[in-house]
Amino acid sequence: MKLKYALKFMFHLFCIITTFQLIFVATTWTIGGEEFSLVPLDLFKLPLIAFVSVLPSFLLVFKDTISHKALTIRMILHFVLTSGIVFGLLIYFGWLSTKNAVFIVPFFLAIYISAYITQEIRARKLAKQLNEKLNAFHNSENATHHD
């Protein structure tokens, strides 16, 4: 992934994560009632968690090509860093307890997996477009040369 595309992806992912965090907090607040209380200052922590959670995406930036093994290692490292950062901050802020971990862990996995699938679909579409352009170029080259 090129740096420009990574920054664009990180911005979109930051917006998506922040939005889903707010929806999650509002839903939890509605269901939990007074038991779940959030101080207005805590709302500033949500974008902080979203911002810090997209920073490991810099691991996926590389120049031209990368081996499948190196990409797999980077993806595993990316998941470990992202989950470590997110859950570490949630524990630090006191938002992760055994009671709500049942909801937060699947919520994190849903966002992570959907972002990964979206990224893979975009990469495959780009690869397909590049292959079509290469095939069109080779076909036009072969059409001009007569045997």
N, C-alpha and C. Protein backbone atom coordinates (compact mmCIF):
# COMPACT_ATOMS: atom_id res chain seq x y z
N MET A 1 0.86 -1.16 0.00
CA MET A 1 0.00 0.00 0.00
C MET A 1 0.91 1.23 0.00
N LYS A 2 0.58 2.16 -0.84
CA LYS A 2 1.32 3.43 -0.91
C LYS A 2 0.93 4.32 0.26
N LEU A 3 1.82 5.25 0.62
CA LEU A 3 1.60 6.12 1.76
C LEU A 3 0.36 7.00 1.57
N LYS A 4 0.18 7.53 0.36
CA LYS A 4 -0.97 8.40 0.10
C LYS A 4 -2.28 7.64 0.29
N TYR A 5 -2.33 6.42 -0.23
CA TYR A 5 -3.53 5.60 -0.08
C TYR A 5 -3.73 5.21 1.38
N ALA A 6 -2.63 4.93 2.09
CA ALA A 6 -2.73 4.56 3.51
C ALA A 6 -3.29 5.71 4.34
N LEU A 7 -2.84 6.92 4.07
CA LEU A 7 -3.35 8.08 4.81
C LEU A 7 -4.84 8.29 4.54
N LYS A 8 -5.23 8.12 3.29
CA LYS A 8 -6.64 8.26 2.93
C LYS A 8 -7.47 7.16 3.62
N PHE A 9 -6.97 5.94 3.60
CA PHE A 9 -7.64 4.83 4.26
C PHE A 9 -7.74 5.06 5.76
N MET A 10 -6.67 5.57 6.36
CA MET A 10 -6.66 5.82 7.80
C MET A 10 -7.67 6.91 8.18
N PHE A 11 -7.78 7.94 7.34
CA PHE A 11 -8.75 9.00 7.62
C PHE A 11 -10.18 8.45 7.59
N HIS A 12 -10.49 7.68 6.55
CA HIS A 12 -11.83 7.10 6.43
C HIS A 12 -12.10 6.13 7.58
N LEU A 13 -11.10 5.33 7.92
CA LEU A 13 -11.27 4.39 9.02
C LEU A 13 -11.46 5.11 10.35
N PHE A 14 -10.73 6.21 10.55
CA PHE A 14 -10.90 7.02 11.76
C PHE A 14 -12.33 7.53 11.87
N CYS A 15 -12.87 8.05 10.78
CA CYS A 15 -14.25 8.55 10.79
C CYS A 15 -15.25 7.44 11.06
N ILE A 16 -15.04 6.29 10.46
CA ILE A 16 -15.95 5.16 10.66
C ILE A 16 -15.89 4.67 12.10
N ILE A 17 -14.68 4.54 12.64
CA ILE A 17 -14.54 4.06 14.01
C ILE A 17 -15.18 5.03 14.99
N THR A 18 -14.94 6.32 14.80
CA THR A 18 -15.53 7.32 15.70
C THR A 18 -17.05 7.27 15.64
N THR A 19 -17.59 7.16 14.45
CA THR A 19 -19.04 7.08 14.29
C THR A 19 -19.62 5.85 15.00
N PHE A 20 -19.00 4.70 14.76
CA PHE A 20 -19.50 3.49 15.40
C PHE A 20 -19.30 3.51 16.91
N GLN A 21 -18.25 4.15 17.39
CA GLN A 21 -18.07 4.28 18.84
C GLN A 21 -19.22 5.09 19.44
N LEU A 22 -19.56 6.19 18.78
CA LEU A 22 -20.65 7.02 19.30
C LEU A 22 -21.98 6.28 19.27
N ILE A 23 -22.22 5.51 18.21
CA ILE A 23 -23.44 4.71 18.14
C ILE A 23 -23.44 3.65 19.24
N PHE A 24 -22.29 3.03 19.46
CA PHE A 24 -22.17 2.01 20.51
C PHE A 24 -22.42 2.61 21.89
N VAL A 25 -21.82 3.78 22.14
CA VAL A 25 -22.00 4.43 23.45
C VAL A 25 -23.46 4.84 23.64
N ALA A 26 -24.06 5.40 22.60
CA ALA A 26 -25.47 5.81 22.71
C ALA A 26 -26.38 4.61 22.93
N THR A 27 -26.12 3.52 22.24
CA THR A 27 -26.92 2.31 22.41
C THR A 27 -26.74 1.73 23.81
N THR A 28 -25.50 1.68 24.26
CA THR A 28 -25.22 1.15 25.60
C THR A 28 -25.85 2.02 26.66
N TRP A 29 -25.81 3.32 26.46
CA TRP A 29 -26.41 4.26 27.41
C TRP A 29 -27.93 4.08 27.45
N THR A 30 -28.53 3.87 26.28
CA THR A 30 -29.98 3.68 26.21
C THR A 30 -30.39 2.38 26.89
N ILE A 31 -29.63 1.33 26.65
CA ILE A 31 -29.96 0.02 27.23
C ILE A 31 -29.61 -0.01 28.72
N GLY A 32 -28.42 0.50 29.06
CA GLY A 32 -27.93 0.41 30.43
C GLY A 32 -28.55 1.41 31.38
N GLY A 33 -29.04 2.50 30.85
CA GLY A 33 -29.66 3.52 31.70
C GLY A 33 -28.64 4.25 32.55
N GLU A 34 -29.00 4.52 33.77
CA GLU A 34 -28.15 5.28 34.68
C GLU A 34 -26.90 4.52 35.11
N GLU A 35 -26.95 3.21 34.94
CA GLU A 35 -25.80 2.40 35.33
C GLU A 35 -24.58 2.74 34.48
N PHE A 36 -24.81 3.07 33.24
CA PHE A 36 -23.74 3.45 32.34
C PHE A 36 -23.68 4.97 32.28
N SER A 37 -22.68 5.53 32.89
CA SER A 37 -22.56 6.99 32.88
C SER A 37 -21.27 7.38 32.20
N LEU A 38 -21.34 8.43 31.43
CA LEU A 38 -20.19 8.94 30.70
C LEU A 38 -20.11 10.43 30.93
N VAL A 39 -19.00 10.88 31.43
CA VAL A 39 -18.79 12.30 31.68
C VAL A 39 -18.53 12.97 30.33
N PRO A 40 -18.98 14.20 30.15
CA PRO A 40 -18.75 14.87 28.86
C PRO A 40 -17.28 14.91 28.45
N LEU A 41 -16.38 14.97 29.41
CA LEU A 41 -14.95 14.97 29.09
C LEU A 41 -14.52 13.63 28.47
N ASP A 42 -15.25 12.56 28.82
CA ASP A 42 -14.94 11.24 28.27
C ASP A 42 -15.22 11.16 26.77
N LEU A 43 -16.08 12.03 26.27
CA LEU A 43 -16.38 12.02 24.83
C LEU A 43 -15.15 12.39 24.00
N PHE A 44 -14.22 13.13 24.59
CA PHE A 44 -12.99 13.46 23.87
C PHE A 44 -12.05 12.26 23.77
N LYS A 45 -12.26 11.28 24.61
CA LYS A 45 -11.43 10.08 24.58
C LYS A 45 -11.79 9.17 23.41
N LEU A 46 -13.02 9.26 22.93
CA LEU A 46 -13.45 8.42 21.81
C LEU A 46 -12.64 8.70 20.53
N PRO A 47 -12.51 9.97 20.11
CA PRO A 47 -11.67 10.21 18.93
C PRO A 47 -10.20 9.87 19.17
N LEU A 48 -9.74 10.01 20.40
CA LEU A 48 -8.36 9.64 20.72
C LEU A 48 -8.14 8.15 20.50
N ILE A 49 -9.07 7.35 20.98
CA ILE A 49 -8.97 5.89 20.78
C ILE A 49 -9.04 5.56 19.29
N ALA A 50 -9.93 6.23 18.56
CA ALA A 50 -10.05 5.98 17.13
C ALA A 50 -8.77 6.37 16.40
N PHE A 51 -8.18 7.51 16.76
CA PHE A 51 -6.96 7.96 16.09
C PHE A 51 -5.79 7.01 16.36
N VAL A 52 -5.63 6.64 17.62
CA VAL A 52 -4.51 5.77 17.97
C VAL A 52 -4.71 4.37 17.39
N SER A 53 -5.95 3.95 17.21
CA SER A 53 -6.20 2.62 16.68
C SER A 53 -5.91 2.51 15.18
N VAL A 54 -5.86 3.62 14.47
CA VAL A 54 -5.53 3.55 13.04
C VAL A 54 -4.04 3.72 12.77
N LEU A 55 -3.27 4.11 13.76
CA LEU A 55 -1.83 4.31 13.56
C LEU A 55 -1.08 3.05 13.14
N PRO A 56 -1.44 1.85 13.61
CA PRO A 56 -0.72 0.66 13.13
C PRO A 56 -0.87 0.40 11.64
N SER A 57 -1.73 1.14 10.96
CA SER A 57 -1.87 0.97 9.51
C SER A 57 -0.61 1.36 8.76
N PHE A 58 0.27 2.11 9.41
CA PHE A 58 1.55 2.43 8.78
C PHE A 58 2.40 1.18 8.57
N LEU A 59 2.11 0.11 9.28
CA LEU A 59 2.83 -1.15 9.05
C LEU A 59 2.55 -1.72 7.67
N LEU A 60 1.42 -1.36 7.11
CA LEU A 60 1.01 -1.91 5.82
C LEU A 60 1.51 -1.10 4.64
N VAL A 61 2.31 -0.05 4.90
CA VAL A 61 2.87 0.77 3.83
C VAL A 61 4.18 0.13 3.39
N PHE A 62 4.30 -0.09 2.07
CA PHE A 62 5.54 -0.62 1.51
C PHE A 62 5.74 -0.02 0.13
N LYS A 63 6.97 -0.08 -0.36
CA LYS A 63 7.33 0.58 -1.62
C LYS A 63 6.63 -0.05 -2.82
N ASP A 64 7.20 -1.10 -3.37
CA ASP A 64 6.67 -1.67 -4.61
C ASP A 64 5.97 -3.00 -4.39
N THR A 65 6.75 -4.00 -4.07
CA THR A 65 6.16 -5.32 -3.88
C THR A 65 6.62 -5.87 -2.53
N ILE A 66 5.89 -6.86 -2.08
CA ILE A 66 6.21 -7.50 -0.81
C ILE A 66 5.82 -8.96 -0.92
N SER A 67 6.59 -9.82 -0.28
CA SER A 67 6.29 -11.24 -0.35
C SER A 67 5.03 -11.55 0.47
N HIS A 68 4.44 -12.68 0.13
CA HIS A 68 3.22 -13.09 0.83
C HIS A 68 3.50 -13.34 2.31
N LYS A 69 4.66 -13.92 2.60
CA LYS A 69 5.04 -14.21 3.98
C LYS A 69 5.21 -12.91 4.78
N ALA A 70 5.89 -11.93 4.19
CA ALA A 70 6.10 -10.65 4.87
C ALA A 70 4.77 -9.93 5.08
N LEU A 71 3.88 -10.00 4.10
CA LEU A 71 2.57 -9.37 4.23
C LEU A 71 1.74 -10.04 5.33
N THR A 72 1.81 -11.36 5.41
CA THR A 72 1.09 -12.08 6.46
C THR A 72 1.62 -11.70 7.84
N ILE A 73 2.93 -11.60 7.97
CA ILE A 73 3.52 -11.20 9.25
C ILE A 73 3.10 -9.79 9.61
N ARG A 74 3.08 -8.89 8.63
CA ARG A 74 2.64 -7.52 8.90
C ARG A 74 1.18 -7.46 9.30
N MET A 75 0.34 -8.27 8.66
CA MET A 75 -1.08 -8.29 9.01
C MET A 75 -1.29 -8.80 10.44
N ILE A 76 -0.56 -9.84 10.81
CA ILE A 76 -0.67 -10.37 12.18
C ILE A 76 -0.18 -9.33 13.18
N LEU A 77 0.95 -8.71 12.88
CA LEU A 77 1.48 -7.66 13.76
C LEU A 77 0.52 -6.48 13.85
N HIS A 78 -0.11 -6.14 12.73
CA HIS A 78 -1.09 -5.06 12.71
C HIS A 78 -2.26 -5.38 13.64
N PHE A 79 -2.78 -6.60 13.55
CA PHE A 79 -3.91 -6.99 14.40
C PHE A 79 -3.51 -6.96 15.88
N VAL A 80 -2.34 -7.50 16.18
CA VAL A 80 -1.88 -7.55 17.57
C VAL A 80 -1.70 -6.13 18.12
N LEU A 81 -1.05 -5.26 17.35
CA LEU A 81 -0.85 -3.89 17.80
C LEU A 81 -2.17 -3.14 17.95
N THR A 82 -3.04 -3.26 16.96
CA THR A 82 -4.32 -2.56 17.02
C THR A 82 -5.15 -3.02 18.21
N SER A 83 -5.28 -4.32 18.37
CA SER A 83 -6.07 -4.81 19.50
C SER A 83 -5.41 -4.47 20.83
N GLY A 84 -4.09 -4.54 20.89
CA GLY A 84 -3.39 -4.18 22.11
C GLY A 84 -3.59 -2.72 22.48
N ILE A 85 -3.50 -1.85 21.48
CA ILE A 85 -3.68 -0.42 21.73
C ILE A 85 -5.12 -0.13 22.16
N VAL A 86 -6.08 -0.66 21.44
CA VAL A 86 -7.48 -0.38 21.74
C VAL A 86 -7.85 -0.90 23.12
N PHE A 87 -7.57 -2.17 23.37
CA PHE A 87 -7.95 -2.73 24.66
C PHE A 87 -7.11 -2.16 25.79
N GLY A 88 -5.86 -1.82 25.51
CA GLY A 88 -5.03 -1.17 26.52
C GLY A 88 -5.60 0.18 26.93
N LEU A 89 -6.02 0.97 25.95
CA LEU A 89 -6.63 2.27 26.27
C LEU A 89 -7.97 2.11 26.98
N LEU A 90 -8.74 1.12 26.57
CA LEU A 90 -10.03 0.89 27.23
C LEU A 90 -9.83 0.48 28.69
N ILE A 91 -8.82 -0.33 28.94
CA ILE A 91 -8.52 -0.71 30.32
C ILE A 91 -7.99 0.50 31.08
N TYR A 92 -7.12 1.27 30.44
CA TYR A 92 -6.54 2.45 31.10
C TYR A 92 -7.62 3.46 31.49
N PHE A 93 -8.58 3.67 30.58
CA PHE A 93 -9.67 4.62 30.87
C PHE A 93 -10.72 4.02 31.80
N GLY A 94 -10.64 2.73 32.07
CA GLY A 94 -11.60 2.08 32.97
C GLY A 94 -12.90 1.73 32.29
N TRP A 95 -12.88 1.61 30.98
CA TRP A 95 -14.10 1.32 30.24
C TRP A 95 -14.29 -0.15 29.95
N LEU A 96 -13.28 -0.95 30.16
CA LEU A 96 -13.37 -2.38 29.85
C LEU A 96 -13.40 -3.16 31.15
N SER A 97 -14.51 -3.82 31.37
CA SER A 97 -14.65 -4.69 32.53
C SER A 97 -15.14 -6.04 32.03
N THR A 98 -15.15 -7.01 32.90
CA THR A 98 -15.63 -8.34 32.49
C THR A 98 -17.09 -8.32 32.10
N LYS A 99 -17.81 -7.38 32.67
CA LYS A 99 -19.24 -7.27 32.39
C LYS A 99 -19.52 -6.79 30.96
N ASN A 100 -18.77 -5.80 30.50
CA ASN A 100 -19.04 -5.26 29.17
C ASN A 100 -18.07 -5.78 28.10
N ALA A 101 -17.11 -6.62 28.48
CA ALA A 101 -16.18 -7.19 27.49
C ALA A 101 -16.90 -8.09 26.50
N VAL A 102 -18.01 -8.67 26.94
CA VAL A 102 -18.81 -9.54 26.07
C VAL A 102 -19.34 -8.74 24.87
N PHE A 103 -19.56 -7.44 25.04
CA PHE A 103 -20.06 -6.61 23.96
C PHE A 103 -18.93 -5.89 23.22
N ILE A 104 -17.90 -5.48 23.93
CA ILE A 104 -16.84 -4.68 23.33
C ILE A 104 -15.95 -5.51 22.41
N VAL A 105 -15.60 -6.72 22.81
CA VAL A 105 -14.71 -7.55 21.99
C VAL A 105 -15.37 -7.89 20.64
N PRO A 106 -16.62 -8.36 20.58
CA PRO A 106 -17.23 -8.59 19.26
C PRO A 106 -17.40 -7.30 18.46
N PHE A 107 -17.64 -6.17 19.14
CA PHE A 107 -17.75 -4.89 18.46
C PHE A 107 -16.42 -4.53 17.79
N PHE A 108 -15.31 -4.72 18.51
CA PHE A 108 -13.99 -4.46 17.94
C PHE A 108 -13.72 -5.38 16.76
N LEU A 109 -14.01 -6.67 16.94
CA LEU A 109 -13.76 -7.64 15.86
C LEU A 109 -14.61 -7.34 14.63
N ALA A 110 -15.84 -6.91 14.84
CA ALA A 110 -16.72 -6.58 13.71
C ALA A 110 -16.15 -5.40 12.91
N ILE A 111 -15.69 -4.37 13.60
CA ILE A 111 -15.11 -3.23 12.91
C ILE A 111 -13.81 -3.64 12.21
N TYR A 112 -12.95 -4.40 12.88
CA TYR A 112 -11.67 -4.79 12.31
C TYR A 112 -11.87 -5.68 11.08
N ILE A 113 -12.73 -6.67 11.20
CA ILE A 113 -12.96 -7.60 10.08
C ILE A 113 -13.61 -6.88 8.91
N SER A 114 -14.58 -6.01 9.17
CA SER A 114 -15.22 -5.29 8.06
C SER A 114 -14.23 -4.35 7.37
N ALA A 115 -13.35 -3.71 8.12
CA ALA A 115 -12.34 -2.85 7.51
C ALA A 115 -11.36 -3.68 6.68
N TYR A 116 -10.99 -4.85 7.17
CA TYR A 116 -10.08 -5.73 6.43
C TYR A 116 -10.73 -6.22 5.14
N ILE A 117 -11.98 -6.63 5.21
CA ILE A 117 -12.68 -7.11 4.02
C ILE A 117 -12.83 -5.99 3.00
N THR A 118 -13.18 -4.79 3.46
CA THR A 118 -13.29 -3.64 2.56
C THR A 118 -11.97 -3.36 1.87
N GLN A 119 -10.88 -3.42 2.62
CA GLN A 119 -9.55 -3.18 2.06
C GLN A 119 -9.21 -4.24 1.02
N GLU A 120 -9.51 -5.48 1.29
CA GLU A 120 -9.22 -6.57 0.35
C GLU A 120 -10.05 -6.43 -0.93
N ILE A 121 -11.30 -6.06 -0.79
CA ILE A 121 -12.16 -5.88 -1.97
C ILE A 121 -11.62 -4.75 -2.84
N ARG A 122 -11.21 -3.65 -2.21
CA ARG A 122 -10.66 -2.53 -2.97
C ARG A 122 -9.36 -2.92 -3.67
N ALA A 123 -8.52 -3.69 -2.98
CA ALA A 123 -7.24 -4.12 -3.58
C ALA A 123 -7.49 -5.05 -4.76
N ARG A 124 -8.45 -5.93 -4.63
CA ARG A 124 -8.75 -6.85 -5.74
C ARG A 124 -9.34 -6.11 -6.93
N LYS A 125 -10.21 -5.12 -6.68
CA LYS A 125 -10.75 -4.32 -7.77
C LYS A 125 -9.64 -3.57 -8.50
N LEU A 126 -8.71 -3.01 -7.74
CA LEU A 126 -7.59 -2.30 -8.34
C LEU A 126 -6.72 -3.24 -9.16
N ALA A 127 -6.46 -4.43 -8.63
CA ALA A 127 -5.66 -5.41 -9.37
C ALA A 127 -6.37 -5.84 -10.66
N LYS A 128 -7.68 -6.01 -10.59
CA LYS A 128 -8.45 -6.40 -11.77
C LYS A 128 -8.40 -5.30 -12.83
N GLN A 129 -8.53 -4.04 -12.39
CA GLN A 129 -8.45 -2.92 -13.34
C GLN A 129 -7.07 -2.83 -13.98
N LEU A 130 -6.03 -3.03 -13.19
CA LEU A 130 -4.68 -3.00 -13.74
C LEU A 130 -4.45 -4.13 -14.73
N ASN A 131 -4.96 -5.32 -14.42
CA ASN A 131 -4.83 -6.45 -15.35
C ASN A 131 -5.59 -6.20 -16.64
N GLU A 132 -6.76 -5.60 -16.56
CA GLU A 132 -7.52 -5.28 -17.77
C GLU A 132 -6.76 -4.28 -18.63
N LYS A 133 -6.16 -3.28 -18.01
CA LYS A 133 -5.38 -2.29 -18.77
C LYS A 133 -4.16 -2.93 -19.41
N LEU A 134 -3.49 -3.81 -18.67
CA LEU A 134 -2.32 -4.50 -19.23
C LEU A 134 -2.72 -5.41 -20.38
N ASN A 135 -3.82 -6.13 -20.23
CA ASN A 135 -4.30 -7.00 -21.31
C ASN A 135 -4.68 -6.18 -22.53
N ALA A 136 -5.34 -5.06 -22.34
CA ALA A 136 -5.71 -4.20 -23.46
C ALA A 136 -4.46 -3.67 -24.16
N PHE A 137 -3.45 -3.30 -23.39
CA PHE A 137 -2.21 -2.81 -23.97
C PHE A 137 -1.52 -3.91 -24.77
N HIS A 138 -1.44 -5.12 -24.22
CA HIS A 138 -0.80 -6.23 -24.92
C HIS A 138 -1.59 -6.63 -26.16
N ASN A 139 -2.90 -6.60 -26.09
CA ASN A 139 -3.73 -6.93 -27.26
C ASN A 139 -3.54 -5.89 -28.35
N SER A 140 -3.43 -4.61 -27.99
CA SER A 140 -3.22 -3.59 -29.01
C SER A 140 -1.81 -3.70 -29.60
N GLU A 141 -0.83 -4.09 -28.81
CA GLU A 141 0.53 -4.30 -29.30
C GLU A 141 0.56 -5.46 -30.27
N ASN A 142 -0.11 -6.55 -29.92
CA ASN A 142 -0.14 -7.73 -30.78
C ASN A 142 -0.93 -7.48 -32.06
N ALA A 143 -1.92 -6.61 -32.01
CA ALA A 143 -2.72 -6.33 -33.19
C ALA A 143 -1.94 -5.52 -34.22
N THR A 144 -0.99 -4.73 -33.78
CA THR A 144 -0.21 -3.91 -34.73
C THR A 144 0.93 -4.68 -35.36
N HIS A 145 1.37 -5.76 -34.76
CA HIS A 145 2.46 -6.57 -35.30
C HIS A 145 1.87 -7.76 -36.05
N HIS A 146 2.18 -7.85 -37.34
CA HIS A 146 1.72 -8.98 -38.14
C HIS A 146 2.86 -9.97 -38.27
N ASP A 147 2.52 -11.24 -38.18
CA ASP A 147 3.56 -12.28 -38.30
C ASP A 147 3.93 -12.52 -39.73
